[in-house]
C-alpha atoms as a PDB file:
ATOM      1  CA  UNK A   1    -105.844 117.960 -22.858  1.00  0.00           C
ATOM      2  CA  UNK A   2    -107.552 120.861 -24.490  1.00  0.00           C
ATOM      3  CA  UNK A   3    -111.157 121.612 -23.871  1.00  0.00           C
ATOM      4  CA  UNK A   4    -113.383 124.139 -25.830  1.00  0.00           C
ATOM      5  CA  UNK A   5    -114.387 126.559 -23.073  1.00  0.00           C
ATOM      6  CA  UNK A   6    -116.897 128.586 -25.238  1.00  0.00           C
ATOM      7  CA  UNK A   7    -119.846 127.111 -23.608  1.00  0.00           C
ATOM      8  CA  UNK A   8    -118.516 126.428 -20.365  1.00  0.00           C
ATOM      9  CA  UNK A   9    -119.926 128.190 -17.075  1.00  0.00           C
ATOM     10  CA  UNK A  10    -117.754 131.006 -16.001  1.00  0.00           C
ATOM     11  CA  UNK A  11    -117.818 129.873 -12.347  1.00  0.00           C
ATOM     12  CA  UNK A  12    -116.708 126.298 -13.639  1.00  0.00           C
ATOM     13  CA  UNK A  13    -113.709 128.037 -15.621  1.00  0.00           C
ATOM     14  CA  UNK A  14    -112.657 129.805 -12.532  1.00  0.00           C
ATOM     15  CA  UNK A  15    -112.886 126.550 -10.290  1.00  0.00           C
ATOM     16  CA  UNK A  16    -111.072 124.496 -12.919  1.00  0.00           C
ATOM     17  CA  UNK A  17    -108.399 126.890 -14.373  1.00  0.00           C
ATOM     18  CA  UNK A  18    -107.468 129.263 -11.658  1.00  0.00           C
ATOM     19  CA  UNK A  19    -104.568 127.943  -9.447  1.00  0.00           C
ATOM     20  CA  UNK A  20    -106.651 128.686  -6.222  1.00  0.00           C
ATOM     21  CA  UNK A  21    -109.869 127.188  -7.820  1.00  0.00           C
ATOM     22  CA  UNK A  22    -111.511 124.199  -5.983  1.00  0.00           C
ATOM     23  CA  UNK A  23    -111.227 121.892  -9.044  1.00  0.00           C
ATOM     24  CA  UNK A  24    -107.704 122.912 -10.172  1.00  0.00           C
ATOM     25  CA  UNK A  25    -106.193 119.943  -8.760  1.00  0.00           C
ATOM     26  CA  UNK A  26    -108.425 117.773 -10.881  1.00  0.00           C
ATOM     27  CA  UNK A  27    -107.487 119.716 -14.015  1.00  0.00           C
ATOM     28  CA  UNK A  28    -103.745 119.144 -13.177  1.00  0.00           C
ATOM     29  CA  UNK A  29    -104.341 115.296 -12.829  1.00  0.00           C
ATOM     30  CA  UNK A  30    -106.312 115.202 -15.942  1.00  0.00           C
ATOM     31  CA  UNK A  31    -103.385 116.640 -18.003  1.00  0.00           C
ATOM     32  CA  UNK A  32    -101.277 113.722 -17.123  1.00  0.00           C
ATOM     33  CA  UNK A  33    -103.868 110.794 -17.560  1.00  0.00           C
ATOM     34  CA  UNK A  34    -104.275 109.621 -21.042  1.00  0.00           C
ATOM     35  CA  UNK A  35    -107.362 107.691 -20.273  1.00  0.00           C
ATOM     36  CA  UNK A  36    -109.525 110.609 -19.520  1.00  0.00           C
ATOM     37  CA  UNK A  37    -111.275 112.659 -21.942  1.00  0.00           C
ATOM     38  CA  UNK A  38    -113.599 115.620 -21.203  1.00  0.00           C
ATOM     39  CA  UNK A  39    -116.507 117.310 -23.119  1.00  0.00           C
ATOM     40  CA  UNK A  40    -118.426 120.455 -22.280  1.00  0.00           C
ATOM     41  CA  UNK A  41    -122.246 119.917 -22.286  1.00  0.00           C
ATOM     42  CA  UNK A  42    -124.838 122.138 -21.000  1.00  0.00           C
ATOM     43  CA  UNK A  43    -122.192 124.336 -19.658  1.00  0.00           C
ATOM     44  CA  UNK A  44    -120.879 121.495 -17.450  1.00  0.00           C
ATOM     45  CA  UNK A  45    -117.741 119.521 -17.894  1.00  0.00           C
ATOM     46  CA  UNK A  46    -118.364 115.833 -18.347  1.00  0.00           C
ATOM     47  CA  UNK A  47    -115.426 113.629 -17.601  1.00  0.00           C
ATOM     48  CA  UNK A  48    -114.891 110.097 -19.177  1.00  0.00           C
ATOM     49  CA  UNK A  49    -112.378 107.392 -18.580  1.00  0.00           C
ATOM     50  CA  UNK A  50    -112.055 104.946 -21.478  1.00  0.00           C
ATOM     51  CA  UNK A  51    -115.330 106.063 -22.940  1.00  0.00           C
ATOM     52  CA  UNK A  52    -117.370 105.632 -19.665  1.00  0.00           C
ATOM     53  CA  UNK A  53    -118.537 108.843 -18.003  1.00  0.00           C
ATOM     54  CA  UNK A  54    -117.146 108.920 -14.311  1.00  0.00           C
ATOM     55  CA  UNK A  55    -117.666 112.603 -13.357  1.00  0.00           C
ATOM     56  CA  UNK A  56    -119.729 115.797 -14.118  1.00  0.00           C
ATOM     57  CA  UNK A  57    -118.463 119.099 -12.765  1.00  0.00           C
ATOM     58  CA  UNK A  58    -120.593 122.221 -12.655  1.00  0.00           C
ATOM     59  CA  UNK A  59    -120.039 125.760 -11.729  1.00  0.00           C
ATOM     60  CA  UNK A  60    -122.398 126.331  -8.801  1.00  0.00           C
ATOM     61  CA  UNK A  61    -123.948 122.747  -8.400  1.00  0.00           C
ATOM     62  CA  UNK A  62    -122.120 119.870  -6.501  1.00  0.00           C
ATOM     63  CA  UNK A  63    -120.001 117.568  -8.547  1.00  0.00           C
ATOM     64  CA  UNK A  64    -121.990 114.512  -9.774  1.00  0.00           C
ATOM     65  CA  UNK A  65    -120.317 111.147  -9.391  1.00  0.00           C
ATOM     66  CA  UNK A  66    -121.349 108.711 -12.092  1.00  0.00           C
ATOM     67  CA  UNK A  67    -118.865 105.925 -11.460  1.00  0.00           C
ATOM     68  CA  UNK A  68    -116.351 105.529  -8.573  1.00  0.00           C
ATOM     69  CA  UNK A  69    -113.008 106.316 -10.017  1.00  0.00           C
ATOM     70  CA  UNK A  70    -109.729 107.712  -8.575  1.00  0.00           C
ATOM     71  CA  UNK A  71    -110.560 111.010  -9.885  1.00  0.00           C
ATOM     72  CA  UNK A  72    -113.777 111.063  -7.608  1.00  0.00           C
ATOM     73  CA  UNK A  73    -111.551 110.564  -4.710  1.00  0.00           C
ATOM     74  CA  UNK A  74    -109.566 113.662  -5.514  1.00  0.00           C
ATOM     75  CA  UNK A  75    -112.883 115.443  -5.711  1.00  0.00           C
ATOM     76  CA  UNK A  76    -113.939 114.469  -2.175  1.00  0.00           C
ATOM     77  CA  UNK A  77    -110.464 115.329  -0.747  1.00  0.00           C
ATOM     78  CA  UNK A  78    -110.514 118.700  -2.496  1.00  0.00           C
ATOM     79  CA  UNK A  79    -114.065 119.576  -1.365  1.00  0.00           C
ATOM     80  CA  UNK A  80    -113.241 118.379   2.374  1.00  0.00           C
ATOM     81  CA  UNK A  81    -110.431 121.145   2.684  1.00  0.00           C
END
């Protein structure tokens, strides 16, 4: 999966792509899941499963869970560490 990071918040880029980032484990799971797609909108990462939005990740704000999904469980586990 490739994402155009031109308009992505720099805080979110660090959290997502750096190995010690809070969301890096989500990024690695997304690479192996063919049902997931992601788009950058308003500097945030909107994640979709089979065309339905499940999660929005932002740099400084808390993640917004739109639909319950196994990806959201990973977010909960990652934030509780």
